N, C-alpha and C. Protein backbone atom coordinates (compact mmCIF):
# COMPACT_ATOMS: atom_id res chain seq x y z
N UNK A 1 58.50 75.75 -176.46
CA UNK A 1 58.65 76.08 -177.88
C UNK A 1 58.30 74.89 -178.77
N UNK A 2 58.73 73.68 -178.34
CA UNK A 2 58.41 72.49 -179.13
C UNK A 2 56.90 72.31 -179.22
N UNK A 3 56.20 72.52 -178.10
CA UNK A 3 54.74 72.40 -178.07
C UNK A 3 54.12 73.43 -179.01
N UNK A 4 54.61 74.65 -178.93
CA UNK A 4 54.04 75.76 -179.70
C UNK A 4 54.14 75.50 -181.20
N UNK A 5 55.28 74.96 -181.65
CA UNK A 5 55.52 74.80 -183.08
C UNK A 5 55.30 73.37 -183.57
N UNK A 6 54.66 72.53 -182.74
CA UNK A 6 54.49 71.11 -183.09
C UNK A 6 53.72 70.91 -184.38
N UNK A 7 52.75 71.76 -184.67
CA UNK A 7 51.93 71.58 -185.86
C UNK A 7 52.26 72.59 -186.96
N UNK A 8 53.41 73.26 -186.81
CA UNK A 8 53.79 74.28 -187.78
C UNK A 8 54.79 73.70 -188.78
N UNK A 9 54.59 73.99 -190.07
CA UNK A 9 55.57 73.58 -191.07
C UNK A 9 55.39 72.14 -191.52
N UNK A 10 56.28 71.71 -192.38
CA UNK A 10 56.19 70.38 -192.99
C UNK A 10 56.81 69.31 -192.09
N UNK A 11 56.05 68.25 -191.83
CA UNK A 11 56.53 67.07 -191.10
C UNK A 11 57.08 67.38 -189.71
N UNK A 12 56.61 68.48 -189.09
CA UNK A 12 57.08 68.79 -187.74
C UNK A 12 58.55 69.15 -187.67
N UNK A 13 59.12 69.61 -188.78
CA UNK A 13 60.56 69.89 -188.80
C UNK A 13 60.95 70.98 -187.81
N UNK A 14 60.09 71.99 -187.66
CA UNK A 14 60.44 73.11 -186.79
C UNK A 14 60.47 72.67 -185.33
N UNK A 15 59.45 71.95 -184.90
CA UNK A 15 59.44 71.49 -183.51
C UNK A 15 60.58 70.52 -183.25
N UNK A 16 60.92 69.69 -184.25
CA UNK A 16 62.03 68.76 -184.09
C UNK A 16 63.35 69.53 -183.97
N UNK A 17 63.47 70.62 -184.72
CA UNK A 17 64.67 71.46 -184.62
C UNK A 17 64.79 72.01 -183.20
N UNK A 18 63.68 72.45 -182.62
CA UNK A 18 63.72 72.95 -181.24
C UNK A 18 64.08 71.83 -180.26
N UNK A 19 63.59 70.61 -180.51
CA UNK A 19 63.96 69.48 -179.65
C UNK A 19 65.47 69.26 -179.67
N UNK A 20 66.05 69.33 -180.86
CA UNK A 20 67.49 69.12 -180.99
C UNK A 20 68.28 70.23 -180.30
N UNK A 21 67.79 71.48 -180.40
CA UNK A 21 68.48 72.58 -179.74
C UNK A 21 68.38 72.45 -178.22
N UNK A 22 67.19 72.04 -177.74
CA UNK A 22 67.02 71.79 -176.30
C UNK A 22 68.00 70.73 -175.83
N UNK A 23 68.13 69.66 -176.61
CA UNK A 23 69.03 68.56 -176.24
C UNK A 23 70.48 69.05 -176.17
N UNK A 24 70.90 69.84 -177.15
CA UNK A 24 72.27 70.34 -177.17
C UNK A 24 72.54 71.23 -175.96
N UNK A 25 71.57 72.08 -175.61
CA UNK A 25 71.73 72.96 -174.45
C UNK A 25 71.81 72.15 -173.16
N UNK A 26 70.96 71.13 -173.05
CA UNK A 26 70.96 70.27 -171.86
C UNK A 26 72.31 69.58 -171.69
N UNK A 27 72.85 69.03 -172.77
CA UNK A 27 74.13 68.33 -172.69
C UNK A 27 75.27 69.30 -172.39
N UNK A 28 75.23 70.49 -172.99
CA UNK A 28 76.26 71.49 -172.72
C UNK A 28 76.24 71.88 -171.25
N UNK A 29 75.05 72.09 -170.71
CA UNK A 29 74.92 72.47 -169.30
C UNK A 29 75.42 71.37 -168.38
N UNK A 30 75.19 70.11 -168.77
CA UNK A 30 75.59 68.98 -167.95
C UNK A 30 77.06 68.60 -168.14
N UNK A 31 77.73 69.24 -169.10
CA UNK A 31 79.13 68.91 -169.35
C UNK A 31 79.31 67.61 -170.09
N UNK A 32 78.35 67.28 -170.94
CA UNK A 32 78.40 66.03 -171.70
C UNK A 32 78.85 66.32 -173.13
N UNK A 33 79.86 65.60 -173.58
CA UNK A 33 80.37 65.77 -174.94
C UNK A 33 80.11 64.50 -175.73
N UNK A 34 79.72 64.67 -177.00
CA UNK A 34 79.42 63.53 -177.87
C UNK A 34 80.50 63.37 -178.92
N UNK A 35 80.98 62.15 -179.07
CA UNK A 35 81.87 61.80 -180.17
C UNK A 35 81.10 60.83 -181.07
N UNK A 36 80.71 61.28 -182.24
CA UNK A 36 79.83 60.48 -183.09
C UNK A 36 80.45 60.18 -184.45
N UNK A 37 80.34 58.93 -184.87
CA UNK A 37 80.72 58.50 -186.21
C UNK A 37 79.44 58.09 -186.94
N UNK A 38 78.96 58.97 -187.80
CA UNK A 38 77.72 58.72 -188.54
C UNK A 38 78.00 58.55 -190.03
N UNK A 39 79.24 58.19 -190.36
CA UNK A 39 79.65 58.13 -191.76
C UNK A 39 78.90 57.05 -192.54
N UNK A 40 78.30 56.08 -191.86
CA UNK A 40 77.56 55.02 -192.56
C UNK A 40 76.18 55.46 -193.02
N UNK A 41 75.73 56.62 -192.56
CA UNK A 41 74.37 57.07 -192.85
C UNK A 41 74.30 57.99 -194.06
N UNK A 42 73.17 57.95 -194.75
CA UNK A 42 72.87 58.86 -195.85
C UNK A 42 72.00 59.99 -195.29
N UNK A 43 72.48 61.24 -195.32
CA UNK A 43 71.71 62.35 -194.74
C UNK A 43 70.33 62.54 -195.35
N UNK A 44 70.10 62.00 -196.54
CA UNK A 44 68.82 62.19 -197.22
C UNK A 44 67.84 61.04 -196.97
N UNK A 45 68.26 60.01 -196.25
CA UNK A 45 67.43 58.82 -196.07
C UNK A 45 66.53 58.93 -194.85
N UNK A 46 65.46 58.13 -194.88
CA UNK A 46 64.57 57.97 -193.73
C UNK A 46 64.87 56.62 -193.09
N UNK A 47 65.18 56.62 -191.80
CA UNK A 47 65.63 55.39 -191.15
C UNK A 47 64.74 55.00 -189.97
N UNK A 48 64.76 53.70 -189.68
CA UNK A 48 64.34 53.19 -188.39
C UNK A 48 65.62 53.05 -187.58
N UNK A 49 65.89 53.98 -186.69
CA UNK A 49 67.09 53.90 -185.86
C UNK A 49 66.83 52.89 -184.73
N UNK A 50 67.75 51.94 -184.58
CA UNK A 50 67.69 50.97 -183.49
C UNK A 50 68.90 51.22 -182.59
N UNK A 51 68.65 51.72 -181.38
CA UNK A 51 69.74 52.10 -180.50
C UNK A 51 69.67 51.33 -179.18
N UNK A 52 70.83 50.98 -178.64
CA UNK A 52 70.85 50.40 -177.30
C UNK A 52 70.55 51.49 -176.27
N UNK A 53 70.17 51.07 -175.06
CA UNK A 53 69.58 52.01 -174.10
C UNK A 53 70.20 51.83 -172.72
N UNK A 54 70.91 52.87 -172.25
CA UNK A 54 71.56 52.80 -170.94
C UNK A 54 71.04 53.84 -169.95
N UNK A 55 70.40 54.90 -170.46
CA UNK A 55 70.14 56.05 -169.61
C UNK A 55 68.96 56.87 -170.10
N UNK A 56 68.33 57.61 -169.17
CA UNK A 56 67.31 58.58 -169.59
C UNK A 56 67.92 59.65 -170.48
N UNK A 57 69.23 59.81 -170.42
CA UNK A 57 69.91 60.81 -171.25
C UNK A 57 70.05 60.38 -172.69
N UNK A 58 69.73 59.13 -173.00
CA UNK A 58 69.89 58.65 -174.38
C UNK A 58 69.04 59.44 -175.36
N UNK A 59 67.85 59.85 -174.96
CA UNK A 59 66.99 60.58 -175.89
C UNK A 59 67.59 61.94 -176.24
N UNK A 60 67.94 62.80 -175.25
CA UNK A 60 68.59 64.05 -175.65
C UNK A 60 69.93 63.83 -176.37
N UNK A 61 70.65 62.79 -175.98
CA UNK A 61 71.93 62.50 -176.64
C UNK A 61 71.71 62.20 -178.12
N UNK A 62 70.70 61.41 -178.43
CA UNK A 62 70.45 61.06 -179.83
C UNK A 62 69.82 62.22 -180.60
N UNK A 63 69.01 63.03 -179.95
CA UNK A 63 68.52 64.25 -180.60
C UNK A 63 69.71 65.15 -180.98
N UNK A 64 70.66 65.29 -180.06
CA UNK A 64 71.81 66.15 -180.31
C UNK A 64 72.75 65.57 -181.36
N UNK A 65 72.84 64.24 -181.40
CA UNK A 65 73.77 63.59 -182.32
C UNK A 65 73.22 63.46 -183.74
N UNK A 66 71.88 63.49 -183.87
CA UNK A 66 71.25 63.25 -185.17
C UNK A 66 70.37 64.42 -185.59
N UNK A 67 70.87 65.65 -185.53
CA UNK A 67 70.02 66.81 -185.83
C UNK A 67 69.60 66.90 -187.29
N UNK A 68 70.31 66.22 -188.17
CA UNK A 68 69.99 66.29 -189.59
C UNK A 68 68.90 65.32 -190.02
N UNK A 69 68.38 64.52 -189.08
CA UNK A 69 67.38 63.52 -189.40
C UNK A 69 66.08 63.83 -188.64
N UNK A 70 65.00 63.93 -189.39
CA UNK A 70 63.70 64.19 -188.78
C UNK A 70 63.12 62.86 -188.33
N UNK A 71 63.06 62.64 -187.03
CA UNK A 71 62.56 61.36 -186.51
C UNK A 71 61.77 61.59 -185.22
N UNK A 72 60.97 60.59 -184.88
CA UNK A 72 60.27 60.55 -183.61
C UNK A 72 60.65 59.24 -182.92
N UNK A 73 60.41 59.15 -181.63
CA UNK A 73 60.77 57.90 -180.97
C UNK A 73 59.55 57.12 -180.51
N UNK A 74 59.74 55.82 -180.41
CA UNK A 74 58.74 54.89 -179.93
C UNK A 74 59.01 54.67 -178.45
N UNK A 75 58.03 55.01 -177.59
CA UNK A 75 58.26 54.96 -176.15
C UNK A 75 57.12 54.25 -175.44
N UNK A 76 57.42 53.73 -174.27
CA UNK A 76 56.39 53.03 -173.50
C UNK A 76 55.29 53.99 -173.06
N UNK A 77 54.10 53.47 -172.95
CA UNK A 77 52.89 54.25 -172.67
C UNK A 77 53.01 55.07 -171.39
N UNK A 78 53.71 54.55 -170.38
CA UNK A 78 53.78 55.23 -169.08
C UNK A 78 54.42 56.62 -169.18
N UNK A 79 55.34 56.81 -170.14
CA UNK A 79 55.97 58.12 -170.29
C UNK A 79 54.97 59.18 -170.74
N UNK A 80 53.95 58.74 -171.48
CA UNK A 80 52.97 59.68 -172.00
C UNK A 80 51.94 60.07 -170.94
N UNK A 81 52.01 59.42 -169.78
CA UNK A 81 51.10 59.75 -168.67
C UNK A 81 51.69 60.82 -167.76
N UNK A 82 52.96 61.19 -167.99
CA UNK A 82 53.59 62.22 -167.16
C UNK A 82 52.98 63.58 -167.49
N UNK A 83 52.48 64.31 -166.49
CA UNK A 83 51.86 65.62 -166.76
C UNK A 83 52.79 66.55 -167.54
N UNK A 84 52.23 67.29 -168.45
CA UNK A 84 52.92 68.26 -169.32
C UNK A 84 53.84 67.55 -170.32
N UNK A 85 54.81 66.76 -169.79
CA UNK A 85 55.78 66.09 -170.65
C UNK A 85 55.09 65.11 -171.61
N UNK A 86 54.19 64.28 -171.07
CA UNK A 86 53.53 63.28 -171.89
C UNK A 86 52.68 63.87 -173.01
N UNK A 87 51.77 64.82 -172.68
CA UNK A 87 50.99 65.45 -173.75
C UNK A 87 51.84 66.17 -174.79
N UNK A 88 52.96 66.75 -174.35
CA UNK A 88 53.87 67.42 -175.29
C UNK A 88 54.48 66.40 -176.25
N UNK A 89 54.87 65.23 -175.73
CA UNK A 89 55.42 64.18 -176.58
C UNK A 89 54.40 63.73 -177.62
N UNK A 90 53.15 63.56 -177.17
CA UNK A 90 52.11 63.11 -178.08
C UNK A 90 51.83 64.16 -179.15
N UNK A 91 51.80 65.43 -178.74
CA UNK A 91 51.52 66.51 -179.68
C UNK A 91 52.60 66.62 -180.74
N UNK A 92 53.85 66.31 -180.37
CA UNK A 92 54.95 66.41 -181.32
C UNK A 92 55.11 65.17 -182.19
N UNK A 93 54.24 64.17 -181.99
CA UNK A 93 54.22 63.04 -182.91
C UNK A 93 54.98 61.81 -182.47
N UNK A 94 55.53 61.81 -181.24
CA UNK A 94 56.19 60.61 -180.75
C UNK A 94 55.12 59.54 -180.50
N UNK A 95 55.50 58.30 -180.64
CA UNK A 95 54.54 57.20 -180.66
C UNK A 95 54.61 56.41 -179.35
N UNK A 96 53.47 56.26 -178.69
CA UNK A 96 53.42 55.46 -177.46
C UNK A 96 53.04 54.03 -177.80
N UNK A 97 53.52 53.10 -176.98
CA UNK A 97 53.14 51.70 -177.20
C UNK A 97 52.87 51.05 -175.85
N UNK A 98 51.75 50.38 -175.75
CA UNK A 98 51.33 49.68 -174.54
C UNK A 98 51.55 48.19 -174.78
N UNK A 99 52.64 47.66 -174.23
CA UNK A 99 52.99 46.26 -174.48
C UNK A 99 51.99 45.29 -173.85
N UNK A 100 51.22 45.77 -172.87
CA UNK A 100 50.29 44.90 -172.19
C UNK A 100 48.92 44.83 -172.85
N UNK A 101 48.72 45.60 -173.90
CA UNK A 101 47.43 45.64 -174.58
C UNK A 101 47.67 45.42 -176.07
N UNK A 102 47.36 44.22 -176.53
CA UNK A 102 47.69 43.85 -177.91
C UNK A 102 47.00 44.76 -178.93
N UNK A 103 45.73 45.06 -178.68
CA UNK A 103 45.00 45.90 -179.64
C UNK A 103 45.62 47.29 -179.74
N UNK A 104 45.91 47.89 -178.59
CA UNK A 104 46.52 49.23 -178.59
C UNK A 104 47.93 49.19 -179.18
N UNK A 105 48.64 48.09 -178.92
CA UNK A 105 49.99 47.96 -179.48
C UNK A 105 49.95 47.92 -181.00
N UNK A 106 48.97 47.20 -181.56
CA UNK A 106 48.84 47.13 -183.01
C UNK A 106 48.46 48.48 -183.60
N UNK A 107 47.64 49.24 -182.87
CA UNK A 107 47.30 50.60 -183.32
C UNK A 107 48.54 51.49 -183.33
N UNK A 108 49.39 51.32 -182.33
CA UNK A 108 50.63 52.11 -182.26
C UNK A 108 51.57 51.75 -183.40
N UNK A 109 51.64 50.45 -183.72
CA UNK A 109 52.49 50.03 -184.83
C UNK A 109 52.00 50.66 -186.14
N UNK A 110 50.68 50.68 -186.33
CA UNK A 110 50.14 51.31 -187.54
C UNK A 110 50.44 52.80 -187.55
N UNK A 111 50.40 53.44 -186.39
CA UNK A 111 50.75 54.86 -186.30
C UNK A 111 52.20 55.08 -186.72
N UNK A 112 53.08 54.16 -186.28
CA UNK A 112 54.49 54.25 -186.65
C UNK A 112 54.67 54.05 -188.15
N UNK A 113 53.94 53.11 -188.72
CA UNK A 113 54.02 52.86 -190.16
C UNK A 113 53.59 54.10 -190.93
N UNK A 114 52.49 54.72 -190.52
CA UNK A 114 52.01 55.93 -191.19
C UNK A 114 53.03 57.06 -191.09
N UNK A 115 53.68 57.14 -189.95
CA UNK A 115 54.70 58.18 -189.74
C UNK A 115 55.86 58.00 -190.71
N UNK A 116 56.35 56.77 -190.80
CA UNK A 116 57.50 56.49 -191.68
C UNK A 116 57.09 56.64 -193.14
N UNK A 117 55.88 56.24 -193.48
CA UNK A 117 55.38 56.42 -194.86
C UNK A 117 55.37 57.90 -195.26
N UNK A 118 55.20 58.78 -194.28
CA UNK A 118 55.17 60.22 -194.56
C UNK A 118 56.57 60.81 -194.69
N UNK A 119 57.60 59.99 -194.47
CA UNK A 119 58.98 60.46 -194.61
C UNK A 119 59.66 60.83 -193.32
N UNK A 120 59.03 60.54 -192.19
CA UNK A 120 59.61 60.83 -190.87
C UNK A 120 60.18 59.53 -190.30
N UNK A 121 61.40 59.57 -189.81
CA UNK A 121 62.04 58.39 -189.26
C UNK A 121 61.54 58.05 -187.87
N UNK A 122 62.02 56.93 -187.35
CA UNK A 122 61.58 56.44 -186.04
C UNK A 122 62.80 55.94 -185.27
N UNK A 123 62.82 56.25 -183.98
CA UNK A 123 63.88 55.77 -183.09
C UNK A 123 63.29 54.72 -182.16
N UNK A 124 63.88 53.52 -182.16
CA UNK A 124 63.40 52.42 -181.33
C UNK A 124 64.54 51.95 -180.44
N UNK A 125 64.22 51.68 -179.17
CA UNK A 125 65.17 51.05 -178.26
C UNK A 125 64.78 49.57 -178.16
N UNK A 126 65.42 48.69 -178.92
CA UNK A 126 64.98 47.29 -178.97
C UNK A 126 65.12 46.53 -177.66
N UNK A 127 65.95 47.04 -176.73
CA UNK A 127 66.06 46.39 -175.42
C UNK A 127 64.79 46.61 -174.59
N UNK A 128 64.05 47.67 -174.93
CA UNK A 128 62.79 47.93 -174.24
C UNK A 128 62.89 48.74 -172.98
N UNK A 129 64.03 48.71 -172.32
CA UNK A 129 64.25 49.47 -171.10
C UNK A 129 65.73 49.71 -170.91
N UNK A 130 66.07 50.58 -169.97
CA UNK A 130 67.47 50.91 -169.74
C UNK A 130 68.21 49.75 -169.08
N UNK A 131 69.46 49.60 -169.45
CA UNK A 131 70.29 48.54 -168.90
C UNK A 131 71.01 49.00 -167.64
N UNK A 132 71.29 48.05 -166.76
CA UNK A 132 72.13 48.33 -165.59
C UNK A 132 73.45 47.57 -165.70
N UNK A 133 73.56 46.73 -166.71
CA UNK A 133 74.78 45.96 -166.96
C UNK A 133 75.40 46.47 -168.25
N UNK A 134 76.51 47.20 -168.14
CA UNK A 134 77.10 47.82 -169.32
C UNK A 134 78.11 46.91 -170.01
N UNK A 135 78.22 45.65 -169.56
CA UNK A 135 79.19 44.74 -170.17
C UNK A 135 78.68 44.17 -171.49
N UNK A 136 77.37 44.19 -171.68
CA UNK A 136 76.76 43.64 -172.90
C UNK A 136 75.40 44.29 -173.09
N UNK A 137 74.84 44.11 -174.28
CA UNK A 137 73.49 44.58 -174.51
C UNK A 137 72.48 43.63 -173.87
N UNK A 138 71.33 44.15 -173.48
CA UNK A 138 70.26 43.30 -173.00
C UNK A 138 69.62 42.56 -174.18
N UNK A 139 68.88 41.52 -173.87
CA UNK A 139 68.14 40.84 -174.92
C UNK A 139 67.14 41.81 -175.55
N UNK A 140 66.94 41.67 -176.85
CA UNK A 140 66.01 42.54 -177.56
C UNK A 140 64.58 42.00 -177.45
N UNK A 141 63.62 42.92 -177.49
CA UNK A 141 62.21 42.57 -177.52
C UNK A 141 61.78 42.34 -178.97
N UNK A 142 60.81 41.47 -179.16
CA UNK A 142 60.33 41.18 -180.51
C UNK A 142 59.53 42.33 -181.09
N UNK A 143 58.89 43.13 -180.23
CA UNK A 143 58.03 44.21 -180.71
C UNK A 143 58.74 45.19 -181.62
N UNK A 144 59.97 45.54 -181.27
CA UNK A 144 60.73 46.46 -182.10
C UNK A 144 61.00 45.90 -183.48
N UNK A 145 61.16 44.58 -183.56
CA UNK A 145 61.40 43.93 -184.85
C UNK A 145 60.14 44.00 -185.72
N UNK A 146 58.98 43.80 -185.09
CA UNK A 146 57.72 43.87 -185.83
C UNK A 146 57.52 45.27 -186.39
N UNK A 147 57.79 46.27 -185.58
CA UNK A 147 57.66 47.66 -186.03
C UNK A 147 58.55 47.91 -187.24
N UNK A 148 59.81 47.49 -187.15
CA UNK A 148 60.76 47.73 -188.25
C UNK A 148 60.33 47.02 -189.52
N UNK A 149 59.86 45.79 -189.39
CA UNK A 149 59.47 45.02 -190.58
C UNK A 149 58.21 45.59 -191.23
N UNK A 150 57.28 46.05 -190.41
CA UNK A 150 56.05 46.62 -190.97
C UNK A 150 56.29 48.00 -191.58
N UNK A 151 57.25 48.76 -191.04
CA UNK A 151 57.54 50.09 -191.58
C UNK A 151 58.26 50.01 -192.93
N UNK A 152 59.00 48.91 -193.15
CA UNK A 152 59.66 48.67 -194.43
C UNK A 152 60.60 49.81 -194.83
N UNK A 153 61.30 50.36 -193.86
CA UNK A 153 62.33 51.37 -194.13
C UNK A 153 63.68 50.77 -193.76
N UNK A 154 64.73 51.41 -194.20
CA UNK A 154 66.08 50.96 -193.85
C UNK A 154 66.28 51.02 -192.34
N UNK A 155 66.84 49.95 -191.79
CA UNK A 155 67.16 49.90 -190.36
C UNK A 155 68.60 50.35 -190.17
N UNK A 156 68.78 51.34 -189.30
CA UNK A 156 70.12 51.87 -189.01
C UNK A 156 70.47 51.59 -187.55
N UNK A 157 71.29 50.58 -187.27
CA UNK A 157 71.68 50.33 -185.88
C UNK A 157 72.59 51.45 -185.36
N UNK A 158 72.31 51.91 -184.15
CA UNK A 158 73.09 52.96 -183.51
C UNK A 158 73.64 52.43 -182.19
N UNK A 159 74.95 52.50 -182.03
CA UNK A 159 75.58 52.03 -180.80
C UNK A 159 75.92 53.24 -179.92
N UNK A 160 75.45 53.20 -178.67
CA UNK A 160 75.70 54.26 -177.70
C UNK A 160 76.54 53.68 -176.57
N UNK A 161 77.65 54.32 -176.27
CA UNK A 161 78.52 53.84 -175.19
C UNK A 161 78.90 55.01 -174.27
N UNK A 162 78.64 54.82 -172.99
CA UNK A 162 79.03 55.84 -172.01
C UNK A 162 77.89 56.62 -171.40
N UNK A 163 76.69 56.50 -171.94
CA UNK A 163 75.59 57.31 -171.40
C UNK A 163 75.20 56.85 -170.00
N UNK A 164 75.39 55.57 -169.69
CA UNK A 164 75.09 55.09 -168.36
C UNK A 164 75.98 55.71 -167.30
N UNK A 165 77.18 56.13 -167.69
CA UNK A 165 78.07 56.81 -166.75
C UNK A 165 77.66 58.25 -166.52
N UNK A 166 76.88 58.80 -167.45
CA UNK A 166 76.38 60.17 -167.31
C UNK A 166 75.20 60.21 -166.35
N UNK A 167 74.28 59.27 -166.54
CA UNK A 167 73.12 59.14 -165.65
C UNK A 167 72.68 57.69 -165.68
N UNK A 168 72.99 56.96 -164.62
CA UNK A 168 72.66 55.54 -164.56
C UNK A 168 71.17 55.34 -164.32
N UNK A 169 70.69 54.15 -164.60
CA UNK A 169 69.30 53.81 -164.30
C UNK A 169 69.06 54.00 -162.81
N UNK A 170 67.99 54.70 -162.47
CA UNK A 170 67.63 55.07 -161.10
C UNK A 170 68.55 56.13 -160.51
N UNK A 171 69.51 56.61 -161.29
CA UNK A 171 70.39 57.68 -160.80
C UNK A 171 69.67 59.02 -160.82
N UNK A 172 70.14 59.95 -160.00
CA UNK A 172 69.52 61.27 -159.91
C UNK A 172 70.50 62.40 -160.18
N UNK A 173 71.76 62.05 -160.36
CA UNK A 173 72.78 63.08 -160.53
C UNK A 173 73.48 62.90 -161.88
N UNK A 174 73.56 64.00 -162.64
CA UNK A 174 74.27 63.98 -163.91
C UNK A 174 75.76 64.12 -163.67
N UNK A 175 76.54 63.30 -164.38
CA UNK A 175 77.99 63.34 -164.27
C UNK A 175 78.58 63.74 -165.62
N UNK A 176 79.39 64.79 -165.68
CA UNK A 176 80.00 65.17 -166.96
C UNK A 176 80.82 64.02 -167.54
N UNK A 177 80.90 63.97 -168.86
CA UNK A 177 81.68 62.92 -169.48
C UNK A 177 81.49 62.89 -170.98
N UNK A 178 82.03 61.85 -171.59
CA UNK A 178 81.99 61.69 -173.05
C UNK A 178 81.11 60.49 -173.40
N UNK A 179 80.24 60.68 -174.36
CA UNK A 179 79.41 59.60 -174.88
C UNK A 179 79.82 59.35 -176.33
N UNK A 180 80.10 58.10 -176.64
CA UNK A 180 80.50 57.74 -178.00
C UNK A 180 79.33 57.10 -178.73
N UNK A 181 79.14 57.50 -179.99
CA UNK A 181 78.05 56.99 -180.81
C UNK A 181 78.61 56.54 -182.15
N UNK A 182 78.14 55.39 -182.59
CA UNK A 182 78.57 54.89 -183.90
C UNK A 182 77.38 54.32 -184.64
N UNK A 183 77.18 54.76 -185.87
CA UNK A 183 76.13 54.22 -186.73
C UNK A 183 76.70 53.08 -187.55
N UNK A 184 76.04 51.94 -187.51
CA UNK A 184 76.43 50.81 -188.35
C UNK A 184 75.74 50.94 -189.71
N UNK A 185 76.27 50.27 -190.73
CA UNK A 185 75.65 50.37 -192.06
C UNK A 185 74.18 49.96 -192.04
N UNK A 186 73.30 50.79 -192.57
CA UNK A 186 71.88 50.46 -192.63
C UNK A 186 71.63 49.28 -193.56
N UNK A 187 70.48 48.63 -193.37
CA UNK A 187 70.12 47.50 -194.23
C UNK A 187 68.60 47.42 -194.33
N UNK A 188 68.14 46.73 -195.37
CA UNK A 188 66.71 46.57 -195.62
C UNK A 188 66.23 45.30 -194.92
N UNK A 189 65.72 45.47 -193.72
CA UNK A 189 65.30 44.31 -192.92
C UNK A 189 64.14 43.58 -193.57
N UNK A 190 63.19 44.33 -194.15
CA UNK A 190 62.00 43.71 -194.75
C UNK A 190 62.34 42.84 -195.95
N UNK A 191 63.47 43.15 -196.61
CA UNK A 191 63.91 42.34 -197.74
C UNK A 191 64.61 41.06 -197.29
N UNK A 192 65.15 41.09 -196.08
CA UNK A 192 65.92 39.95 -195.58
C UNK A 192 65.12 39.03 -194.68
N UNK A 193 64.08 39.58 -194.03
CA UNK A 193 63.31 38.80 -193.07
C UNK A 193 61.81 39.01 -193.28
N UNK A 194 61.03 37.96 -193.08
CA UNK A 194 59.58 38.09 -193.06
C UNK A 194 59.13 38.26 -191.61
N UNK A 195 57.85 38.57 -191.42
CA UNK A 195 57.34 38.68 -190.05
C UNK A 195 57.50 37.37 -189.29
N UNK A 196 57.37 36.25 -189.99
CA UNK A 196 57.55 34.95 -189.34
C UNK A 196 58.99 34.74 -188.89
N UNK A 197 59.91 35.48 -189.49
CA UNK A 197 61.33 35.34 -189.15
C UNK A 197 61.80 36.42 -188.19
N UNK A 198 60.85 37.04 -187.47
CA UNK A 198 61.21 38.16 -186.58
C UNK A 198 62.17 37.74 -185.46
N UNK A 199 62.07 36.48 -185.01
CA UNK A 199 63.00 36.02 -183.98
C UNK A 199 64.42 35.94 -184.54
N UNK A 200 64.54 35.46 -185.76
CA UNK A 200 65.86 35.41 -186.41
C UNK A 200 66.40 36.81 -186.61
N UNK A 201 65.55 37.72 -187.06
CA UNK A 201 65.93 39.13 -187.21
C UNK A 201 66.41 39.69 -185.89
N UNK A 202 65.66 39.44 -184.84
CA UNK A 202 66.02 39.94 -183.51
C UNK A 202 67.39 39.44 -183.08
N UNK A 203 67.62 38.14 -183.24
CA UNK A 203 68.89 37.55 -182.80
C UNK A 203 70.06 38.03 -183.66
N UNK A 204 69.84 38.14 -184.97
CA UNK A 204 70.90 38.61 -185.86
C UNK A 204 71.26 40.07 -185.55
N UNK A 205 70.24 40.88 -185.30
CA UNK A 205 70.50 42.29 -184.99
C UNK A 205 71.24 42.42 -183.67
N UNK A 206 70.84 41.62 -182.68
CA UNK A 206 71.54 41.66 -181.38
C UNK A 206 73.00 41.28 -181.55
N UNK A 207 73.27 40.22 -182.29
CA UNK A 207 74.66 39.78 -182.51
C UNK A 207 75.48 40.90 -183.15
N UNK A 208 74.90 41.54 -184.14
CA UNK A 208 75.60 42.60 -184.87
C UNK A 208 75.87 43.81 -183.97
N UNK A 209 74.86 44.23 -183.23
CA UNK A 209 75.00 45.42 -182.39
C UNK A 209 75.88 45.15 -181.17
N UNK A 210 75.75 43.98 -180.56
CA UNK A 210 76.57 43.69 -179.38
C UNK A 210 78.04 43.56 -179.77
N UNK A 211 78.33 42.98 -180.93
CA UNK A 211 79.71 42.88 -181.39
C UNK A 211 80.32 44.27 -181.57
N UNK A 212 79.54 45.19 -182.16
CA UNK A 212 80.02 46.57 -182.35
C UNK A 212 80.18 47.27 -181.01
N UNK A 213 79.25 46.99 -180.07
CA UNK A 213 79.34 47.59 -178.73
C UNK A 213 80.59 47.12 -178.01
N UNK A 214 80.88 45.83 -178.09
CA UNK A 214 82.09 45.29 -177.46
C UNK A 214 83.35 45.92 -178.05
N UNK A 215 83.33 46.12 -179.37
CA UNK A 215 84.46 46.74 -180.04
C UNK A 215 84.67 48.18 -179.55
N UNK A 216 83.57 48.91 -179.37
CA UNK A 216 83.68 50.29 -178.89
C UNK A 216 84.19 50.33 -177.45
N UNK A 217 83.73 49.41 -176.63
CA UNK A 217 84.14 49.40 -175.21
C UNK A 217 85.62 49.05 -175.05
N UNK A 218 86.14 48.25 -176.00
CA UNK A 218 87.53 47.82 -175.89
C UNK A 218 88.50 48.85 -176.48
C-alpha cells in the first residue's frame, strides 16, 4: 500500500500514513507498547529528528510514536539494495547515504535539504549504526551534523530506551515489552553552530542526549 500511494497526494502524506499504520500493527502483533513523552514538540513544526539507535525495530517504533509528523529517514545505502524493500524505500522518499563515496554523500545531503525545504521532516540516527552497549550512547558521526546544519531546520533530539530488549542487534526473535520515548526541546542548530563547528555541535548534542538517556534508564 505504501508503494502504491507513494506519489499520491501532497508531500507523500498518504503513503506516510500507511507506513505509520503498518508500524502500529507490527508493534501490536509483537506485543510492544510505547510510552512516549512528546510534550516538547510543536505538532505544526518540521523537524530534523535525531534519535539514538538500538534496534531494527527503532524505525517502526518511531513511525508509530510520531504519526502526526510527516518525515522520512536517512539510511545507509546498503538498505536500499535489499530487493523490494529498498526500491520501496526510495520510491517513498527516504534518503540513502553512501558514507564511502563523498560525491554521492553530498548528493544525498542535497536531497535531504530539498526534502526539508519542501516541508517534510527527516529522521537521522547520529550514531550511524545500532548499539550493542545499552549503558550509554555510541559516539555520534559527523555526517548527521552536516545534514542538520545544511537543512537549517529545528533539531529535535529523541531518546529511545528499551528497543534493544525488543530486538537486539543481530537478534532474530522479537520479545514483547515496553519502549520509552522522550522528545527533548528542539533548537536551531544552524543559529548556534557553523559547519566549521560541526565537531562542537556533535559533542554538545551527544552530551545532551546521553544525559537524558541516563536519566531515563535510572
